[in-house]
All heavy atoms as atom14 arrays in JSON, in Angstrom:
{
  "sequence": "LALRPAHLEARYRRAVAAAAMMDLEAAMADLAAVLRAQPGHAGARREL",
  "atom14_mask": [
    [1, 1, 1, 1, 1, 1, 1, 1, 0, 0, 0, 0, 0, 0],
    [1, 1, 1, 1, 1, 0, 0, 0, 0, 0, 0, 0, 0, 0],
    [1, 1, 1, 1, 1, 1, 1, 1, 0, 0, 0, 0, 0, 0],
    [1, 1, 1, 1, 1, 1, 1, 1, 1, 1, 1, 0, 0, 0],
    [1, 1, 1, 1, 1, 1, 1, 0, 0, 0, 0, 0, 0, 0],
    [1, 1, 1, 1, 1, 0, 0, 0, 0, 0, 0, 0, 0, 0],
    [1, 1, 1, 1, 1, 1, 1, 1, 1, 1, 0, 0, 0, 0],
    [1, 1, 1, 1, 1, 1, 1, 1, 0, 0, 0, 0, 0, 0],
    [1, 1, 1, 1, 1, 1, 1, 1, 1, 0, 0, 0, 0, 0],
    [1, 1, 1, 1, 1, 0, 0, 0, 0, 0, 0, 0, 0, 0],
    [1, 1, 1, 1, 1, 1, 1, 1, 1, 1, 1, 0, 0, 0],
    [1, 1, 1, 1, 1, 1, 1, 1, 1, 1, 1, 1, 0, 0],
    [1, 1, 1, 1, 1, 1, 1, 1, 1, 1, 1, 0, 0, 0],
    [1, 1, 1, 1, 1, 1, 1, 1, 1, 1, 1, 0, 0, 0],
    [1, 1, 1, 1, 1, 0, 0, 0, 0, 0, 0, 0, 0, 0],
    [1, 1, 1, 1, 1, 1, 1, 0, 0, 0, 0, 0, 0, 0],
    [1, 1, 1, 1, 1, 0, 0, 0, 0, 0, 0, 0, 0, 0],
    [1, 1, 1, 1, 1, 0, 0, 0, 0, 0, 0, 0, 0, 0],
    [1, 1, 1, 1, 1, 0, 0, 0, 0, 0, 0, 0, 0, 0],
    [1, 1, 1, 1, 1, 0, 0, 0, 0, 0, 0, 0, 0, 0],
    [1, 1, 1, 1, 1, 1, 1, 1, 0, 0, 0, 0, 0, 0],
    [1, 1, 1, 1, 1, 1, 1, 1, 0, 0, 0, 0, 0, 0],
    [1, 1, 1, 1, 1, 1, 1, 1, 0, 0, 0, 0, 0, 0],
    [1, 1, 1, 1, 1, 1, 1, 1, 0, 0, 0, 0, 0, 0],
    [1, 1, 1, 1, 1, 1, 1, 1, 1, 0, 0, 0, 0, 0],
    [1, 1, 1, 1, 1, 0, 0, 0, 0, 0, 0, 0, 0, 0],
    [1, 1, 1, 1, 1, 0, 0, 0, 0, 0, 0, 0, 0, 0],
    [1, 1, 1, 1, 1, 1, 1, 1, 0, 0, 0, 0, 0, 0],
    [1, 1, 1, 1, 1, 0, 0, 0, 0, 0, 0, 0, 0, 0],
    [1, 1, 1, 1, 1, 1, 1, 1, 0, 0, 0, 0, 0, 0],
    [1, 1, 1, 1, 1, 1, 1, 1, 0, 0, 0, 0, 0, 0],
    [1, 1, 1, 1, 1, 0, 0, 0, 0, 0, 0, 0, 0, 0],
    [1, 1, 1, 1, 1, 0, 0, 0, 0, 0, 0, 0, 0, 0],
    [1, 1, 1, 1, 1, 1, 1, 0, 0, 0, 0, 0, 0, 0],
    [1, 1, 1, 1, 1, 1, 1, 1, 0, 0, 0, 0, 0, 0],
    [1, 1, 1, 1, 1, 1, 1, 1, 1, 1, 1, 0, 0, 0],
    [1, 1, 1, 1, 1, 0, 0, 0, 0, 0, 0, 0, 0, 0],
    [1, 1, 1, 1, 1, 1, 1, 1, 1, 0, 0, 0, 0, 0],
    [1, 1, 1, 1, 1, 1, 1, 0, 0, 0, 0, 0, 0, 0],
    [1, 1, 1, 1, 0, 0, 0, 0, 0, 0, 0, 0, 0, 0],
    [1, 1, 1, 1, 1, 1, 1, 1, 1, 1, 0, 0, 0, 0],
    [1, 1, 1, 1, 1, 0, 0, 0, 0, 0, 0, 0, 0, 0],
    [1, 1, 1, 1, 0, 0, 0, 0, 0, 0, 0, 0, 0, 0],
    [1, 1, 1, 1, 1, 0, 0, 0, 0, 0, 0, 0, 0, 0],
    [1, 1, 1, 1, 1, 1, 1, 1, 1, 1, 1, 0, 0, 0],
    [1, 1, 1, 1, 1, 1, 1, 1, 1, 1, 1, 0, 0, 0],
    [1, 1, 1, 1, 1, 1, 1, 1, 1, 0, 0, 0, 0, 0],
    [1, 1, 1, 1, 1, 1, 1, 1, 0, 0, 0, 0, 0, 0]
  ],
  "atom14_positions": [
    [[153.33, 68.52, 233.21], [154.67, 69.1, 233.07], [155.31, 69.37, 234.42], [156.53, 69.29, 234.55], [154.6, 70.37, 232.24], [154.34, 70.14, 230.75], [154.02, 71.45, 230.06], [155.52, 69.45, 230.12], [0.0, 0.0, 0.0], [0.0, 0.0, 0.0], [0.0, 0.0, 0.0], [0.0, 0.0, 0.0], [0.0, 0.0, 0.0], [0.0, 0.0, 0.0]],
    [[154.5, 69.69, 235.42], [155.06, 69.89, 236.76], [155.62, 68.58, 237.31], [156.64, 68.57, 238.0], [153.98, 70.43, 237.7], [0.0, 0.0, 0.0], [0.0, 0.0, 0.0], [0.0, 0.0, 0.0], [0.0, 0.0, 0.0], [0.0, 0.0, 0.0], [0.0, 0.0, 0.0], [0.0, 0.0, 0.0], [0.0, 0.0, 0.0], [0.0, 0.0, 0.0]],
    [[154.96, 67.46, 236.96], [155.44, 66.16, 237.42], [156.6, 65.64, 236.59], [157.48, 64.95, 237.1], [154.29, 65.14, 237.37], [153.18, 65.36, 238.38], [151.95, 64.55, 238.02], [153.65, 65.02, 239.77], [0.0, 0.0, 0.0], [0.0, 0.0, 0.0], [0.0, 0.0, 0.0], [0.0, 0.0, 0.0], [0.0, 0.0, 0.0], [0.0, 0.0, 0.0]],
    [[156.58, 65.95, 235.29], [157.62, 65.47, 234.38], [157.89, 66.55, 233.33], [157.25, 66.59, 232.27], [157.15, 64.18, 233.72], [158.22, 63.48, 232.96], [157.77, 62.11, 232.52], [158.47, 61.79, 231.29], [157.89, 61.36, 230.19], [156.6, 61.15, 230.16], [158.59, 61.11, 229.13], [0.0, 0.0, 0.0], [0.0, 0.0, 0.0], [0.0, 0.0, 0.0]],
    [[158.83, 67.45, 233.59], [159.05, 68.6, 232.71], [159.43, 68.24, 231.28], [159.23, 69.05, 230.37], [160.2, 69.35, 233.4], [160.15, 68.91, 234.81], [159.65, 67.51, 234.8], [0.0, 0.0, 0.0], [0.0, 0.0, 0.0], [0.0, 0.0, 0.0], [0.0, 0.0, 0.0], [0.0, 0.0, 0.0], [0.0, 0.0, 0.0], [0.0, 0.0, 0.0]],
    [[159.95, 67.08, 231.02], [160.37, 66.7, 229.67], [159.26, 66.02, 228.88], [159.51, 65.5, 227.8], [161.58, 65.77, 229.75], [0.0, 0.0, 0.0], [0.0, 0.0, 0.0], [0.0, 0.0, 0.0], [0.0, 0.0, 0.0], [0.0, 0.0, 0.0], [0.0, 0.0, 0.0], [0.0, 0.0, 0.0], [0.0, 0.0, 0.0], [0.0, 0.0, 0.0]],
    [[158.03, 66.03, 229.36], [156.91, 65.36, 228.68], [156.5, 66.18, 227.46], [155.8, 67.17, 227.56], [155.75, 65.2, 229.66], [154.74, 64.19, 229.25], [153.99, 64.3, 228.1], [154.35, 63.04, 229.84], [153.18, 63.27, 228.01], [153.39, 62.49, 229.05], [0.0, 0.0, 0.0], [0.0, 0.0, 0.0], [0.0, 0.0, 0.0], [0.0, 0.0, 0.0]],
    [[156.93, 65.77, 226.27], [156.7, 66.55, 225.05], [155.23, 66.62, 224.66], [154.76, 67.68, 224.23], [157.51, 65.97, 223.89], [159.01, 66.19, 223.95], [159.69, 65.6, 222.73], [159.32, 67.66, 224.06], [0.0, 0.0, 0.0], [0.0, 0.0, 0.0], [0.0, 0.0, 0.0], [0.0, 0.0, 0.0], [0.0, 0.0, 0.0], [0.0, 0.0, 0.0]],
    [[154.51, 65.52, 224.78], [153.1, 65.55, 224.37], [152.29, 66.44, 225.29], [151.37, 67.11, 224.84], [152.53, 64.14, 224.31], [153.01, 63.36, 223.1], [152.73, 64.07, 221.78], [151.6, 64.51, 221.53], [153.68, 64.19, 220.98], [0.0, 0.0, 0.0], [0.0, 0.0, 0.0], [0.0, 0.0, 0.0], [0.0, 0.0, 0.0], [0.0, 0.0, 0.0]],
    [[152.61, 66.47, 226.58], [151.91, 67.38, 227.49], [152.21, 68.83, 227.11], [151.32, 69.68, 227.12], [152.32, 67.11, 228.93], [0.0, 0.0, 0.0], [0.0, 0.0, 0.0], [0.0, 0.0, 0.0], [0.0, 0.0, 0.0], [0.0, 0.0, 0.0], [0.0, 0.0, 0.0], [0.0, 0.0, 0.0], [0.0, 0.0, 0.0], [0.0, 0.0, 0.0]],
    [[153.45, 69.12, 226.75], [153.82, 70.48, 226.34], [153.09, 70.85, 225.04], [152.58, 71.95, 224.89], [155.32, 70.6, 226.16], [155.77, 72.04, 225.98], [157.27, 72.19, 226.14], [157.78, 71.74, 227.42], [157.74, 72.44, 228.56], [157.19, 73.63, 228.57], [158.26, 71.95, 229.65], [0.0, 0.0, 0.0], [0.0, 0.0, 0.0], [0.0, 0.0, 0.0]],
    [[153.01, 69.91, 224.11], [152.29, 70.15, 222.86], [150.8, 70.4, 223.13], [150.2, 71.33, 222.58], [152.48, 68.96, 221.91], [151.63, 69.03, 220.68], [151.91, 69.96, 219.68], [150.54, 68.2, 220.51], [151.13, 70.04, 218.54], [149.76, 68.26, 219.38], [150.05, 69.19, 218.4], [149.27, 69.27, 217.28], [0.0, 0.0, 0.0], [0.0, 0.0, 0.0]],
    [[150.22, 69.6, 224.0], [148.79, 69.77, 224.32], [148.53, 71.08, 225.04], [147.51, 71.73, 224.81], [148.3, 68.58, 225.14], [148.26, 67.32, 224.29], [148.07, 66.06, 225.08], [148.28, 64.92, 224.19], [148.47, 63.7, 224.58], [148.48, 63.41, 225.87], [148.66, 62.74, 223.7], [0.0, 0.0, 0.0], [0.0, 0.0, 0.0], [0.0, 0.0, 0.0]],
    [[149.46, 71.5, 225.89], [149.31, 72.81, 226.54], [149.39, 73.92, 225.51], [148.66, 74.91, 225.6], [150.37, 72.98, 227.63], [150.17, 74.27, 228.43], [151.08, 74.35, 229.6], [152.44, 74.65, 229.2], [153.43, 74.89, 230.05], [153.2, 74.86, 231.36], [154.64, 75.14, 229.62], [0.0, 0.0, 0.0], [0.0, 0.0, 0.0], [0.0, 0.0, 0.0]],
    [[150.25, 73.76, 224.52], [150.36, 74.76, 223.46], [149.08, 74.85, 222.65], [148.6, 75.94, 222.33], [151.55, 74.44, 222.55], [0.0, 0.0, 0.0], [0.0, 0.0, 0.0], [0.0, 0.0, 0.0], [0.0, 0.0, 0.0], [0.0, 0.0, 0.0], [0.0, 0.0, 0.0], [0.0, 0.0, 0.0], [0.0, 0.0, 0.0], [0.0, 0.0, 0.0]],
    [[148.51, 73.72, 222.3], [147.26, 73.71, 221.53], [146.14, 74.35, 222.35], [145.34, 75.13, 221.82], [146.9, 72.26, 221.11], [145.51, 72.19, 220.5], [147.93, 71.72, 220.14], [0.0, 0.0, 0.0], [0.0, 0.0, 0.0], [0.0, 0.0, 0.0], [0.0, 0.0, 0.0], [0.0, 0.0, 0.0], [0.0, 0.0, 0.0], [0.0, 0.0, 0.0]],
    [[146.1, 74.06, 223.64], [145.08, 74.67, 224.5], [145.29, 76.17, 224.61], [144.33, 76.95, 224.56], [145.12, 74.02, 225.88], [0.0, 0.0, 0.0], [0.0, 0.0, 0.0], [0.0, 0.0, 0.0], [0.0, 0.0, 0.0], [0.0, 0.0, 0.0], [0.0, 0.0, 0.0], [0.0, 0.0, 0.0], [0.0, 0.0, 0.0], [0.0, 0.0, 0.0]],
    [[146.53, 76.6, 224.74], [146.81, 78.05, 224.81], [146.4, 78.73, 223.51], [145.85, 79.84, 223.53], [148.29, 78.27, 225.1], [0.0, 0.0, 0.0], [0.0, 0.0, 0.0], [0.0, 0.0, 0.0], [0.0, 0.0, 0.0], [0.0, 0.0, 0.0], [0.0, 0.0, 0.0], [0.0, 0.0, 0.0], [0.0, 0.0, 0.0], [0.0, 0.0, 0.0]],
    [[146.67, 78.11, 222.38], [146.27, 78.69, 221.09], [144.76, 78.79, 221.0], [144.23, 79.78, 220.49], [146.83, 77.86, 219.95], [0.0, 0.0, 0.0], [0.0, 0.0, 0.0], [0.0, 0.0, 0.0], [0.0, 0.0, 0.0], [0.0, 0.0, 0.0], [0.0, 0.0, 0.0], [0.0, 0.0, 0.0], [0.0, 0.0, 0.0], [0.0, 0.0, 0.0]],
    [[144.05, 77.78, 221.5], [142.59, 77.81, 221.48], [142.04, 78.93, 222.35], [140.98, 79.47, 222.07], [142.03, 76.47, 221.92], [0.0, 0.0, 0.0], [0.0, 0.0, 0.0], [0.0, 0.0, 0.0], [0.0, 0.0, 0.0], [0.0, 0.0, 0.0], [0.0, 0.0, 0.0], [0.0, 0.0, 0.0], [0.0, 0.0, 0.0], [0.0, 0.0, 0.0]],
    [[142.79, 79.3, 223.39], [142.37, 80.39, 224.27], [142.95, 81.73, 223.82], [142.85, 82.71, 224.54], [142.79, 80.09, 225.71], [142.1, 78.9, 226.3], [142.47, 78.6, 228.03], [144.23, 78.28, 227.99], [0.0, 0.0, 0.0], [0.0, 0.0, 0.0], [0.0, 0.0, 0.0], [0.0, 0.0, 0.0], [0.0, 0.0, 0.0], [0.0, 0.0, 0.0]],
    [[143.59, 81.73, 222.63], [144.19, 82.93, 222.03], [145.36, 83.48, 222.84], [145.68, 84.66, 222.75], [143.15, 84.03, 221.78], [142.09, 83.63, 220.76], [142.76, 83.04, 219.19], [143.49, 84.51, 218.54], [0.0, 0.0, 0.0], [0.0, 0.0, 0.0], [0.0, 0.0, 0.0], [0.0, 0.0, 0.0], [0.0, 0.0, 0.0], [0.0, 0.0, 0.0]],
    [[146.03, 82.66, 223.61], [147.27, 83.03, 224.27], [148.39, 82.58, 223.32], [149.07, 81.58, 223.55], [147.38, 82.36, 225.64], [148.57, 82.86, 226.44], [149.34, 83.68, 225.9], [148.72, 82.41, 227.59], [0.0, 0.0, 0.0], [0.0, 0.0, 0.0], [0.0, 0.0, 0.0], [0.0, 0.0, 0.0], [0.0, 0.0, 0.0], [0.0, 0.0, 0.0]],
    [[148.57, 83.34, 222.25], [149.43, 82.93, 221.16], [150.9, 82.91, 221.53], [151.65, 82.06, 221.06], [149.18, 83.82, 219.94], [147.73, 83.83, 219.45], [147.57, 84.8, 218.29], [147.27, 82.45, 219.07], [0.0, 0.0, 0.0], [0.0, 0.0, 0.0], [0.0, 0.0, 0.0], [0.0, 0.0, 0.0], [0.0, 0.0, 0.0], [0.0, 0.0, 0.0]],
    [[151.33, 83.83, 222.38], [152.75, 83.86, 222.77], [153.12, 82.62, 223.58], [154.17, 82.02, 223.36], [153.07, 85.14, 223.56], [153.15, 86.38, 222.7], [151.8, 86.88, 222.19], [150.76, 86.55, 222.81], [151.78, 87.57, 221.16], [0.0, 0.0, 0.0], [0.0, 0.0, 0.0], [0.0, 0.0, 0.0], [0.0, 0.0, 0.0], [0.0, 0.0, 0.0]],
    [[152.25, 82.25, 224.52], [152.51, 81.04, 225.31], [152.5, 79.81, 224.41], [153.34, 78.9, 224.57], [151.48, 80.89, 226.42], [0.0, 0.0, 0.0], [0.0, 0.0, 0.0], [0.0, 0.0, 0.0], [0.0, 0.0, 0.0], [0.0, 0.0, 0.0], [0.0, 0.0, 0.0], [0.0, 0.0, 0.0], [0.0, 0.0, 0.0], [0.0, 0.0, 0.0]],
    [[151.58, 79.78, 223.45], [151.52, 78.65, 222.52], [152.8, 78.57, 221.69], [153.36, 77.48, 221.52], [150.3, 78.79, 221.62], [0.0, 0.0, 0.0], [0.0, 0.0, 0.0], [0.0, 0.0, 0.0], [0.0, 0.0, 0.0], [0.0, 0.0, 0.0], [0.0, 0.0, 0.0], [0.0, 0.0, 0.0], [0.0, 0.0, 0.0], [0.0, 0.0, 0.0]],
    [[153.27, 79.71, 221.18], [154.5, 79.7, 220.38], [155.7, 79.26, 221.21], [156.56, 78.51, 220.72], [154.75, 81.08, 219.76], [153.88, 81.35, 218.57], [154.37, 82.81, 217.64], [153.57, 84.1, 218.56], [0.0, 0.0, 0.0], [0.0, 0.0, 0.0], [0.0, 0.0, 0.0], [0.0, 0.0, 0.0], [0.0, 0.0, 0.0], [0.0, 0.0, 0.0]],
    [[155.77, 79.69, 222.46], [156.89, 79.29, 223.32], [156.89, 77.78, 223.56], [157.94, 77.12, 223.46], [156.82, 80.05, 224.65], [0.0, 0.0, 0.0], [0.0, 0.0, 0.0], [0.0, 0.0, 0.0], [0.0, 0.0, 0.0], [0.0, 0.0, 0.0], [0.0, 0.0, 0.0], [0.0, 0.0, 0.0], [0.0, 0.0, 0.0], [0.0, 0.0, 0.0]],
    [[155.72, 77.21, 223.87], [155.65, 75.77, 224.09], [155.95, 75.0, 222.81], [156.64, 73.98, 222.84], [154.28, 75.38, 224.63], [154.18, 75.53, 226.14], [155.23, 75.6, 226.8], [153.05, 75.56, 226.66], [0.0, 0.0, 0.0], [0.0, 0.0, 0.0], [0.0, 0.0, 0.0], [0.0, 0.0, 0.0], [0.0, 0.0, 0.0], [0.0, 0.0, 0.0]],
    [[155.43, 75.46, 221.69], [155.68, 74.76, 220.42], [157.15, 74.82, 220.04], [157.71, 73.84, 219.54], [154.8, 75.36, 219.32], [153.31, 75.04, 219.46], [152.49, 75.89, 218.5], [153.05, 73.57, 219.23], [0.0, 0.0, 0.0], [0.0, 0.0, 0.0], [0.0, 0.0, 0.0], [0.0, 0.0, 0.0], [0.0, 0.0, 0.0], [0.0, 0.0, 0.0]],
    [[157.79, 75.96, 220.29], [159.22, 76.07, 220.01], [160.01, 75.11, 220.89], [160.97, 74.48, 220.43], [159.68, 77.5, 220.22], [0.0, 0.0, 0.0], [0.0, 0.0, 0.0], [0.0, 0.0, 0.0], [0.0, 0.0, 0.0], [0.0, 0.0, 0.0], [0.0, 0.0, 0.0], [0.0, 0.0, 0.0], [0.0, 0.0, 0.0], [0.0, 0.0, 0.0]],
    [[159.6, 74.95, 222.14], [160.28, 74.01, 223.04], [160.1, 72.57, 222.55], [161.05, 71.76, 222.59], [159.74, 74.15, 224.46], [0.0, 0.0, 0.0], [0.0, 0.0, 0.0], [0.0, 0.0, 0.0], [0.0, 0.0, 0.0], [0.0, 0.0, 0.0], [0.0, 0.0, 0.0], [0.0, 0.0, 0.0], [0.0, 0.0, 0.0], [0.0, 0.0, 0.0]],
    [[158.91, 72.24, 222.06], [158.68, 70.9, 221.53], [159.57, 70.66, 220.31], [160.2, 69.61, 220.18], [157.19, 70.7, 221.16], [156.99, 69.42, 220.36], [156.33, 70.68, 222.42], [0.0, 0.0, 0.0], [0.0, 0.0, 0.0], [0.0, 0.0, 0.0], [0.0, 0.0, 0.0], [0.0, 0.0, 0.0], [0.0, 0.0, 0.0], [0.0, 0.0, 0.0]],
    [[159.65, 71.65, 219.44], [160.45, 71.49, 218.22], [161.95, 71.48, 218.51], [162.7, 70.86, 217.77], [160.1, 72.57, 217.21], [158.73, 72.38, 216.56], [158.35, 73.58, 215.72], [158.7, 71.11, 215.74], [0.0, 0.0, 0.0], [0.0, 0.0, 0.0], [0.0, 0.0, 0.0], [0.0, 0.0, 0.0], [0.0, 0.0, 0.0], [0.0, 0.0, 0.0]],
    [[162.39, 72.16, 219.57], [163.8, 72.06, 219.95], [164.13, 70.66, 220.41], [165.18, 70.11, 220.11], [164.12, 73.06, 221.07], [164.54, 74.42, 220.59], [165.14, 75.27, 221.69], [164.33, 75.37, 222.9], [163.33, 76.23, 223.07], [163.01, 77.06, 222.09], [162.66, 76.27, 224.19], [0.0, 0.0, 0.0], [0.0, 0.0, 0.0], [0.0, 0.0, 0.0]],
    [[163.21, 70.05, 221.16], [163.45, 68.7, 221.68], [163.25, 67.62, 220.62], [163.94, 66.61, 220.62], [162.52, 68.43, 222.86], [0.0, 0.0, 0.0], [0.0, 0.0, 0.0], [0.0, 0.0, 0.0], [0.0, 0.0, 0.0], [0.0, 0.0, 0.0], [0.0, 0.0, 0.0], [0.0, 0.0, 0.0], [0.0, 0.0, 0.0], [0.0, 0.0, 0.0]],
    [[162.29, 67.85, 219.73], [161.99, 66.86, 218.68], [161.69, 67.62, 217.38], [160.53, 67.91, 217.08], [160.81, 66.0, 219.1], [160.52, 64.87, 218.16], [159.34, 64.04, 218.64], [158.8, 64.25, 219.72], [158.94, 63.09, 217.84], [0.0, 0.0, 0.0], [0.0, 0.0, 0.0], [0.0, 0.0, 0.0], [0.0, 0.0, 0.0], [0.0, 0.0, 0.0]],
    [[162.71, 67.93, 216.6], [162.51, 68.75, 215.4], [161.55, 68.15, 214.37], [160.95, 68.88, 213.6], [163.92, 68.85, 214.8], [164.84, 68.55, 215.92], [164.11, 67.62, 216.83], [0.0, 0.0, 0.0], [0.0, 0.0, 0.0], [0.0, 0.0, 0.0], [0.0, 0.0, 0.0], [0.0, 0.0, 0.0], [0.0, 0.0, 0.0], [0.0, 0.0, 0.0]],
    [[161.35, 66.87, 214.38], [160.48, 66.25, 213.39], [159.02, 66.14, 213.81], [158.24, 65.47, 213.14], [0.0, 0.0, 0.0], [0.0, 0.0, 0.0], [0.0, 0.0, 0.0], [0.0, 0.0, 0.0], [0.0, 0.0, 0.0], [0.0, 0.0, 0.0], [0.0, 0.0, 0.0], [0.0, 0.0, 0.0], [0.0, 0.0, 0.0], [0.0, 0.0, 0.0]],
    [[158.61, 66.78, 214.89], [157.24, 66.68, 215.39], [156.3, 67.41, 214.42], [156.21, 68.63, 214.42], [157.15, 67.28, 216.79], [155.91, 66.91, 217.53], [154.67, 67.37, 217.17], [155.73, 66.13, 218.62], [153.77, 66.9, 218.02], [154.4, 66.13, 218.9], [0.0, 0.0, 0.0], [0.0, 0.0, 0.0], [0.0, 0.0, 0.0], [0.0, 0.0, 0.0]],
    [[155.61, 66.65, 213.58], [154.77, 67.23, 212.52], [153.63, 68.06, 213.08], [153.33, 69.14, 212.55], [154.23, 66.11, 211.63], [0.0, 0.0, 0.0], [0.0, 0.0, 0.0], [0.0, 0.0, 0.0], [0.0, 0.0, 0.0], [0.0, 0.0, 0.0], [0.0, 0.0, 0.0], [0.0, 0.0, 0.0], [0.0, 0.0, 0.0], [0.0, 0.0, 0.0]],
    [[152.99, 67.6, 214.14], [151.88, 68.35, 214.72], [152.33, 69.7, 215.25], [151.64, 70.71, 215.08], [0.0, 0.0, 0.0], [0.0, 0.0, 0.0], [0.0, 0.0, 0.0], [0.0, 0.0, 0.0], [0.0, 0.0, 0.0], [0.0, 0.0, 0.0], [0.0, 0.0, 0.0], [0.0, 0.0, 0.0], [0.0, 0.0, 0.0], [0.0, 0.0, 0.0]],
    [[153.49, 69.73, 215.88], [154.0, 70.99, 216.42], [154.36, 71.95, 215.29], [154.1, 73.15, 215.39], [155.21, 70.73, 217.31], [0.0, 0.0, 0.0], [0.0, 0.0, 0.0], [0.0, 0.0, 0.0], [0.0, 0.0, 0.0], [0.0, 0.0, 0.0], [0.0, 0.0, 0.0], [0.0, 0.0, 0.0], [0.0, 0.0, 0.0], [0.0, 0.0, 0.0]],
    [[154.94, 71.45, 214.23], [155.27, 72.31, 213.08], [154.0, 72.91, 212.48], [153.93, 74.11, 212.21], [156.0, 71.52, 212.0], [157.43, 71.24, 212.3], [158.14, 70.71, 211.04], [159.51, 70.42, 211.32], [160.45, 71.33, 211.5], [160.15, 72.59, 211.43], [161.68, 70.97, 211.77], [0.0, 0.0, 0.0], [0.0, 0.0, 0.0], [0.0, 0.0, 0.0]],
    [[153.0, 72.08, 212.26], [151.75, 72.54, 211.68], [151.07, 73.56, 212.6], [150.62, 74.61, 212.14], [150.84, 71.32, 211.44], [149.57, 71.6, 210.74], [148.77, 70.34, 210.44], [148.62, 69.44, 211.59], [149.24, 68.28, 211.73], [150.05, 67.83, 210.8], [149.06, 67.53, 212.8], [0.0, 0.0, 0.0], [0.0, 0.0, 0.0], [0.0, 0.0, 0.0]],
    [[151.04, 73.26, 213.88], [150.39, 74.17, 214.84], [151.16, 75.47, 214.96], [150.56, 76.55, 215.07], [150.28, 73.48, 216.21], [149.46, 74.23, 217.21], [147.98, 74.33, 216.89], [147.49, 73.56, 216.06], [147.33, 75.21, 217.49], [0.0, 0.0, 0.0], [0.0, 0.0, 0.0], [0.0, 0.0, 0.0], [0.0, 0.0, 0.0], [0.0, 0.0, 0.0]],
    [[152.49, 75.43, 214.91], [153.29, 76.65, 214.99], [153.02, 77.55, 213.78], [152.9, 78.77, 213.93], [154.78, 76.32, 215.1], [155.71, 77.51, 215.34], [155.33, 78.25, 216.62], [157.15, 77.03, 215.41], [0.0, 0.0, 0.0], [0.0, 0.0, 0.0], [0.0, 0.0, 0.0], [0.0, 0.0, 0.0], [0.0, 0.0, 0.0], [0.0, 0.0, 0.0]]
  ]
}
């Protein structure tokens, strides 16, 4: 994301990793950003 801030899959993967580490607020923020950019992202909806 530092190299390419608009990389949706990297943002989604960071959210999944944050959720696995129980950083739920950071995960929700990243997932919301993914869904704003791509509302039909099924994985992000399910994970959110």
